[in-house]
Protein backbone atom coordinates (compact mmCIF):
# COMPACT_ATOMS: atom_id res chain seq x y z
CA MET A 1 66.74 59.71 51.86
CA ARG A 2 69.59 59.80 55.64
CA GLN A 3 69.53 63.49 56.57
CA VAL A 4 72.51 65.35 56.64
CA PRO A 5 72.25 68.11 59.64
CA ILE A 6 74.40 70.63 57.48
CA LYS A 7 72.22 73.58 59.35
CA ASP A 8 73.01 72.35 62.49
CA MET A 9 77.13 72.21 61.45
CA ILE A 10 77.00 75.70 60.13
CA GLU A 11 75.68 77.06 63.46
CA LYS A 12 77.94 75.62 65.25
CA VAL A 13 80.33 78.03 64.04
CA PRO A 14 80.02 81.82 65.40
CA GLY A 15 78.47 83.68 63.11
CA GLY A 16 78.39 80.80 60.86
CA MET A 17 75.36 81.40 58.15
CA MET A 18 77.75 84.24 57.28
CA VAL A 19 81.23 82.92 57.62
CA VAL A 20 81.11 79.65 56.01
CA PRO A 21 79.70 80.55 53.11
CA LEU A 22 82.15 83.41 52.91
CA LEU A 23 85.11 80.16 53.33
CA LEU A 24 83.46 78.52 50.86
CA GLY A 25 82.91 81.25 48.01
CA THR A 26 87.14 82.10 49.14
CA ILE A 27 88.11 78.59 48.40
CA MET A 28 86.16 78.23 45.68
CA ASN A 29 87.34 81.66 44.06
CA THR A 30 90.90 81.20 44.64
CA ILE A 31 90.69 77.46 43.07
CA ASP A 32 89.23 79.50 40.12
CA GLN A 33 92.55 81.53 39.96
CA MET A 34 94.61 79.71 40.36
CA HIS A 35 93.44 78.00 36.67
CA LEU A 36 94.74 75.02 37.14
CA PRO A 37 94.79 72.96 33.78
CA VAL A 38 92.36 70.09 34.98
CA VAL A 39 89.53 72.49 35.56
CA GLN A 40 90.60 74.58 31.97
CA THR A 41 90.46 71.43 29.74
CA PHE A 42 87.12 69.62 31.84
CA LEU A 43 85.02 73.80 31.29
CA ALA A 44 86.53 74.10 27.62
CA GLY A 45 85.25 70.17 27.59
CA LEU A 46 81.88 71.13 28.54
CA GLY A 47 81.53 74.58 26.47
CA ALA A 48 81.99 76.73 28.89
CA PRO A 49 82.78 80.63 28.09
CA LYS A 50 86.33 82.48 28.82
CA THR A 51 86.31 85.30 30.93
CA PRO A 52 87.94 88.67 28.83
CA GLN A 53 91.04 87.48 30.48
CA GLY A 54 91.12 84.41 28.29
CA TYR A 55 90.63 81.57 31.63
CA TYR A 56 87.91 79.36 32.24
CA GLU A 57 86.37 79.56 35.63
CA PHE A 58 83.41 77.44 37.55
CA LEU A 59 81.91 81.33 38.62
CA ARG A 60 82.14 82.85 35.75
CA ILE A 61 80.10 79.96 33.29
CA GLY A 62 77.37 82.78 32.84
CA GLY A 63 73.83 82.60 33.57
CA PHE A 64 72.05 82.41 36.67
CA THR A 65 74.80 80.25 38.38
CA GLU A 66 77.34 82.79 37.67
CA GLN A 67 74.54 86.06 38.51
CA LEU A 68 73.79 84.25 42.29
CA PHE A 69 76.86 82.94 43.26
CA LYS A 70 79.48 85.29 41.58
CA THR A 71 77.75 89.22 41.16
CA SER A 72 75.17 88.79 43.31
CA ALA A 73 76.46 90.67 46.21
CA LEU A 74 74.86 93.65 46.03
CA THR A 75 71.89 92.94 45.47
CA LEU A 76 71.35 90.74 47.60
CA ILE A 77 72.72 93.24 49.98
CA ALA A 78 70.04 95.50 49.26
CA LEU A 79 67.09 92.73 49.51
CA PHE A 80 68.23 92.14 52.99
CA LEU A 81 68.55 96.24 54.24
CA PHE A 82 64.77 96.22 52.37
CA CYS A 83 63.56 93.27 54.88
CA SER A 84 65.52 94.08 58.07
CA GLY A 85 64.36 97.98 57.87
CA ALA A 86 60.81 96.14 58.12
CA GLN A 87 61.35 94.45 61.57
CA MET A 88 62.20 97.55 63.01
CA ASN A 89 59.27 98.38 64.72
CA LEU A 90 58.91 101.68 65.61
CA ARG A 91 56.43 100.98 68.49
CA VAL A 92 58.51 100.81 71.29
CA GLY A 93 57.55 101.66 74.84
CA GLY A 94 59.18 104.45 76.41
CA ARG A 95 61.92 102.86 78.81
CA ALA A 96 62.60 100.44 76.07
CA MET A 97 63.22 103.60 73.48
CA LYS A 98 65.36 105.25 76.24
CA LYS A 99 67.86 102.58 76.76
CA GLY A 100 67.77 101.77 72.26
CA VAL A 101 68.49 105.71 72.01
CA VAL A 102 70.97 105.44 74.31
CA LEU A 103 72.75 102.28 73.31
CA THR A 104 72.96 102.97 69.99
CA ALA A 105 74.59 106.80 70.53
CA SER A 106 77.04 105.23 72.78
CA LYS A 107 78.38 102.44 70.47
CA TYR A 108 78.11 104.27 67.62
CA LEU A 109 80.11 107.64 69.18
CA THR A 110 82.44 104.76 70.51
CA GLY A 111 83.36 103.36 67.31
CA LEU A 112 83.24 106.83 65.50
CA GLY A 113 85.66 108.05 67.82
CA VAL A 114 87.95 104.86 67.83
CA GLY A 115 87.43 105.44 63.59
CA VAL A 116 88.66 109.11 64.05
CA LEU A 117 92.12 108.18 66.62
CA PHE A 118 93.18 105.54 64.71
CA GLY A 119 92.98 107.56 60.95
CA THR A 120 94.73 110.55 62.76
CA MET A 121 97.61 108.45 64.43
CA PHE A 122 97.89 106.02 61.20
CA ASP A 123 97.23 105.48 57.22
CA PRO A 124 93.23 106.04 57.36
CA MET A 125 92.53 103.75 54.56
CA ASN A 126 95.80 101.17 55.59
CA GLY A 127 97.01 102.30 58.89
CA PHE A 128 97.97 99.90 61.78
CA LEU A 129 97.43 96.33 61.33
CA GLY A 130 96.04 97.25 58.11
CA LEU A 131 93.34 98.25 59.64
CA SER A 132 90.75 101.19 57.78
CA THR A 133 88.91 103.61 59.03
CA LEU A 134 86.09 102.08 57.22
CA ALA A 135 87.13 98.71 58.78
CA ILE A 136 86.79 99.57 62.30
CA ILE A 137 83.13 101.62 62.32
CA ALA A 138 81.82 98.94 60.55
CA ALA A 139 83.07 96.45 62.57
CA MET A 140 82.41 98.71 66.39
CA THR A 141 78.90 100.55 65.18
CA ASN A 142 77.39 97.44 63.96
CA GLY A 143 75.65 95.40 66.67
CA ASN A 144 74.42 91.40 66.63
CA GLY A 145 70.87 92.46 66.97
CA GLY A 146 70.23 88.29 66.91
CA MET A 147 73.22 87.65 69.63
CA TYR A 148 71.45 90.73 71.85
CA ALA A 149 67.96 89.52 71.75
CA ALA A 150 68.85 86.17 72.82
CA LEU A 151 71.47 87.19 75.80
CA THR A 152 68.76 90.14 77.02
CA ALA A 153 66.08 87.35 76.99
CA GLN A 154 67.86 84.99 78.66
CA TYR A 155 69.89 87.64 81.36
CA GLY A 156 68.51 91.46 80.83
CA ASN A 157 64.72 92.47 81.52
CA ARG A 158 61.61 93.22 79.28
CA SER A 159 62.90 96.91 78.26
CA ASP A 160 66.23 95.91 77.72
CA THR A 161 65.12 92.81 74.95
CA ALA A 162 62.61 94.93 73.42
CA ALA A 163 65.67 97.91 72.74
CA VAL A 164 66.85 96.02 70.19
CA ALA A 165 63.47 97.55 67.93
CA VAL A 166 65.81 101.08 68.28
CA LEU A 167 69.06 99.15 68.32
CA SER A 168 68.05 97.76 64.96
CA LEU A 169 68.97 100.98 63.17
CA ASN A 170 72.87 100.58 63.37
CA ASP A 171 72.20 97.37 60.91
CA GLY A 172 73.81 98.07 57.71
CA PRO A 173 76.05 100.44 55.89
CA PHE A 174 74.74 103.64 56.83
CA PHE A 175 76.22 105.09 59.93
CA THR A 176 79.80 104.10 58.09
CA LEU A 177 78.36 107.04 55.11
CA MET A 178 77.60 108.91 57.57
CA SER A 179 80.97 108.91 59.39
CA LEU A 180 82.69 108.68 56.87
CA GLY A 181 80.93 111.99 55.26
CA LEU A 182 81.30 113.46 58.42
CA LEU A 183 85.15 112.33 58.22
CA GLY A 184 85.36 114.15 54.66
CA SER A 185 84.89 111.86 52.03
CA ARG A 186 82.65 113.29 49.77
CA PHE A 187 79.13 111.54 49.34
CA PRO A 188 76.99 113.48 47.12
CA VAL A 189 73.10 113.17 48.96
CA ILE A 190 72.22 110.68 46.32
CA ALA A 191 74.59 108.24 47.45
CA PHE A 192 73.23 108.60 51.03
CA ILE A 193 69.52 107.74 49.96
CA ALA A 194 70.69 105.44 47.55
CA VAL A 195 71.94 103.63 50.28
CA LEU A 196 69.18 104.57 52.22
CA LEU A 197 65.69 104.44 50.34
CA PRO A 198 65.78 100.07 50.73
CA ILE A 199 66.14 100.70 54.44
CA ALA A 200 63.47 103.30 54.45
CA LEU A 201 61.09 101.34 52.32
CA GLY A 202 61.32 98.52 54.48
CA MET A 203 60.91 101.15 57.33
CA LEU A 204 57.51 102.11 56.01
CA ILE A 205 55.96 98.86 54.62
CA GLY A 206 56.59 96.88 58.06
CA ASN A 207 55.40 99.50 60.25
CA LEU A 208 52.36 99.94 58.29
CA ASP A 209 51.05 96.16 58.38
CA ASP A 210 52.59 94.19 60.11
CA LYS A 211 51.49 90.97 58.03
CA MET A 212 54.11 92.32 55.24
CA ARG A 213 56.46 92.70 58.88
CA LYS A 214 55.72 88.94 59.33
CA PHE A 215 56.27 88.13 55.43
CA LEU A 216 59.26 89.74 54.95
CA LYS A 217 60.94 88.67 57.93
CA PRO A 218 62.73 85.44 56.37
CA GLY A 219 64.57 88.17 54.29
CA GLU A 220 66.20 89.08 57.45
CA MET A 221 68.34 85.47 57.42
CA LEU A 222 67.99 84.08 53.87
CA PRO A 223 69.83 86.25 51.78
CA VAL A 224 72.73 86.60 53.81
CA PRO A 225 74.79 83.05 53.01
CA PHE A 226 74.11 83.95 49.69
CA PHE A 227 76.03 87.22 49.52
CA ALA A 228 78.22 86.16 52.32
CA PHE A 229 79.60 83.52 49.38
CA SER A 230 79.10 86.18 46.49
CA LEU A 231 81.05 88.94 48.57
CA GLY A 232 83.96 85.44 49.43
CA ALA A 233 83.53 84.62 45.67
CA GLY A 234 85.07 87.93 44.70
CA MET A 235 88.54 87.63 47.29
CA ASN A 236 91.76 85.22 47.49
CA LEU A 237 92.21 82.71 50.49
CA ALA A 238 95.83 83.74 50.35
CA VAL A 239 94.19 86.43 52.35
CA PHE A 240 93.58 84.57 55.35
CA PHE A 241 96.97 83.92 55.50
CA ASN A 242 97.95 87.37 56.32
CA PRO A 243 98.88 87.43 59.89
CA ASP A 244 97.85 91.40 59.91
CA VAL A 245 94.67 90.51 58.54
CA VAL A 246 93.91 87.56 61.61
CA ALA A 247 95.71 90.09 63.84
CA ALA A 248 93.64 92.88 62.44
CA GLY A 249 90.51 91.06 63.19
CA LEU A 250 91.04 90.01 66.06
CA LEU A 251 91.82 93.58 67.26
CA LEU A 252 88.74 94.90 66.06
CA GLY A 253 86.82 92.34 68.22
CA VAL A 254 88.51 93.09 71.64
CA MET A 255 87.77 97.03 71.13
CA THR A 256 83.93 96.56 70.26
CA THR A 257 83.71 94.14 73.47
CA VAL A 258 85.56 96.12 76.10
CA LEU A 259 85.19 99.83 74.47
CA THR A 260 81.92 99.58 73.41
CA GLY A 261 80.59 97.64 76.22
CA GLY A 262 82.97 99.42 78.72
CA VAL A 263 81.68 102.90 77.62
CA GLY A 264 77.89 101.51 76.85
CA VAL A 265 78.26 100.07 80.65
CA LEU A 266 79.17 104.02 81.69
CA VAL A 267 76.60 105.62 79.77
CA PHE A 268 73.69 103.21 81.28
CA ARG A 269 74.89 104.11 84.61
CA TYR A 270 75.54 108.05 84.66
CA ILE A 271 73.04 108.93 81.73
CA ALA A 272 70.09 106.46 81.53
CA ARG A 273 70.31 105.60 85.08
CA GLU A 274 70.09 101.84 84.87
CA ARG A 275 72.08 99.40 87.60
CA SER A 276 72.09 96.75 85.27
CA ALA A 277 74.52 96.19 82.71
CA ILE A 278 73.77 93.45 81.09
CA ALA A 279 72.18 95.33 77.57
CA PRO A 280 75.72 97.50 77.02
CA VAL A 281 77.23 94.66 77.29
CA ALA A 282 75.02 92.36 75.12
CA GLU A 283 75.39 95.15 72.26
CA ALA A 284 78.80 94.99 72.18
CA THR A 285 79.34 92.73 69.55
CA THR A 286 80.05 92.55 65.47
CA ALA A 287 77.47 91.71 63.22
CA GLY A 288 77.62 89.84 60.61
CA ASN A 289 76.14 91.42 57.73
CA ALA A 290 78.06 94.21 58.70
CA VAL A 291 81.13 92.15 56.37
CA GLY A 292 78.47 93.94 53.65
CA THR A 293 79.36 97.15 54.44
CA PRO A 294 82.73 97.75 52.37
CA ALA A 295 80.88 96.59 49.57
CA ALA A 296 78.54 99.11 49.66
CA ILE A 297 80.39 101.66 50.57
CA ALA A 298 82.65 100.93 47.71
CA ALA A 299 79.17 101.28 45.30
CA ALA A 300 78.48 104.71 46.81
CA ALA A 301 82.43 105.66 45.86
CA THR A 302 81.07 104.48 42.65
CA ILE A 303 78.09 106.60 42.60
CA ALA A 304 79.85 109.43 44.50
CA VAL A 305 82.40 109.32 40.73
CA SER A 306 79.44 109.94 38.41
CA SER A 307 78.27 112.78 40.24
CA GLY A 308 81.25 114.45 40.55
CA MET A 309 81.90 114.44 44.69
CA MET A 310 84.89 112.11 44.54
CA THR A 311 87.81 111.32 41.62
CA ALA A 312 87.36 108.23 40.29
CA ALA A 313 91.21 107.11 42.28
CA GLU A 314 89.36 107.83 46.13
CA ALA A 315 86.53 106.21 44.75
CA GLN A 316 89.63 103.27 43.65
CA ALA A 317 90.96 103.44 46.90
CA TYR A 318 87.58 102.28 48.65
CA HIS A 319 87.31 99.72 45.95
CA ASP A 320 91.17 97.95 47.24
CA LEU A 321 89.84 98.04 50.88
CA VAL A 322 86.96 95.76 49.92
CA ALA A 323 88.69 91.66 50.66
CA VAL A 324 90.61 92.82 53.66
CA ALA A 325 87.67 95.17 55.48
CA THR A 326 85.60 92.44 55.02
CA LEU A 327 87.48 89.88 56.21
CA GLN A 328 88.89 91.61 59.42
CA ILE A 329 84.87 92.63 59.74
CA SER A 330 84.57 88.34 59.39
CA ILE A 331 87.18 87.43 61.85
CA SER A 332 85.77 90.76 64.16
CA THR A 333 81.94 88.70 64.13
CA ILE A 334 83.65 85.64 65.19
CA SER A 335 85.44 86.65 67.45
CA THR A 336 82.98 89.11 69.36
CA ALA A 337 80.27 86.12 69.06
CA LEU A 338 82.74 84.25 71.21
CA MET A 339 83.54 87.09 73.51
CA GLY A 340 79.77 88.39 74.25
CA PRO A 341 78.23 85.94 75.45
CA LEU A 342 81.07 85.16 77.73
CA ALA A 343 81.63 88.94 79.06
CA VAL A 344 77.70 89.19 79.81
CA ILE A 345 77.89 86.11 81.82
CA LEU A 346 81.04 86.96 83.81
CA VAL A 347 78.55 90.99 84.00
CA ASP A 348 76.19 88.98 85.74
CA ARG A 349 77.81 87.05 88.42
CA TRP A 350 79.07 90.21 89.35
CA GLN A 351 75.88 91.94 89.34
CA ARG A 352 74.29 89.25 91.50
CA LYS A 353 77.07 89.17 94.46
CA ARG A 354 76.44 93.17 94.49
CA GLY A 355 72.51 92.08 94.72
CA ILE A 356 71.93 93.69 91.36
CA ASP A 357 69.60 91.53 89.12
CA GLY A 358 69.34 92.13 85.71
CA ARG A 359 66.25 90.37 84.68
CA ILE A 360 64.62 92.77 86.97
CA GLU A 361 62.66 95.81 85.84
CA GLU A 362 64.12 98.92 87.30
CA GLY A 363 61.06 100.11 90.24
CA GLU A 364 59.85 96.23 90.05
CA GLU A 365 60.10 94.00 93.04
CA PRO A 366 60.48 90.12 92.44
CA ASP A 367 58.21 87.63 93.05
CA LEU A 368 58.46 87.00 96.21
CA ALA A 369 55.17 86.11 97.21
CA PRO A 370 54.97 83.04 99.35
CA ALA A 371 53.77 79.86 98.12
CA VAL A 372 49.72 78.85 99.36
CA GLU A 373 49.98 76.19 102.18
CA GLY A 374 49.76 72.72 101.14
CA ALA A 375 50.92 73.66 97.71
CA THR A 376 54.31 71.84 95.62
CA PRO A 377 55.92 73.67 93.18
CA GLU A 378 55.60 72.16 89.96
């Protein structure tokens, strides 16, 4: 049978394994919500159950189909967080640990600072261009670890790349949830535990047994297209044609690359005392998995209501943000996937003109040993 390069085509899109299924889910849900007569007749003929509103929808036919493609997002995000936690290796070298801590702190504090500033100047739930504090913090504090590892492997040094073990701590919704708590949203302790527990258990298992870490590693990627489709299945394609949504997503991307990258460079230079700026610029992206953060925060808000820490109206405000914030973060993911590598290349060229080679560890000398006489290069 002739092979179709589906995976290769998807991966040509920046963040494709997240973005393409998200779009497909949105398209499918948009068709469902149109309640076209031909679709209604076709599904009725198959004996599909009606929705509570009295319609027939492809994504609400029950069974495994509905559970996987329509209602699976939170379960699959939890699985993803568990498997990602298992990859957080705590046994990293001192230099890599220092870089990881500095980069994680600078990226988080920058995202938090911008989120606070926007929340002060505008409506924190629906501010400038429809940006919310939640979307800003989720997009700016969560870096693309895979892209960081790839860029530092090519343009950085060993400790730059190894720092990804610490940077992986910003994966998922925990930092965003913590930030919203600091900003006054009343999430009970159990909401933090409910979000953090899968990550913590995964981290524990992965650090106790390297074989379990390797076994769980595919779970960093495998659930992503599935929970992305399920998230899209809760959206309407019309939102993508909202100029404010697109503009807000692009603004998020620019702020992530310019501000988290710029602050990271300054912190790296004057606090970590590192001359090369490759690592902080490589981390100035938005991770694809950040698009699941609004849904996770909304789930935590539901827990807060049941514990009496938050009113139903306050929790509903977070639920109302999920669709728009998810799309804004998705656009930030795509834009930073394009801007991030370009920024690293430009910084690498700038450094080389000034005698700084990001591939060489501080304190190490480049390998300039003379070739053995008569030897030919391989």
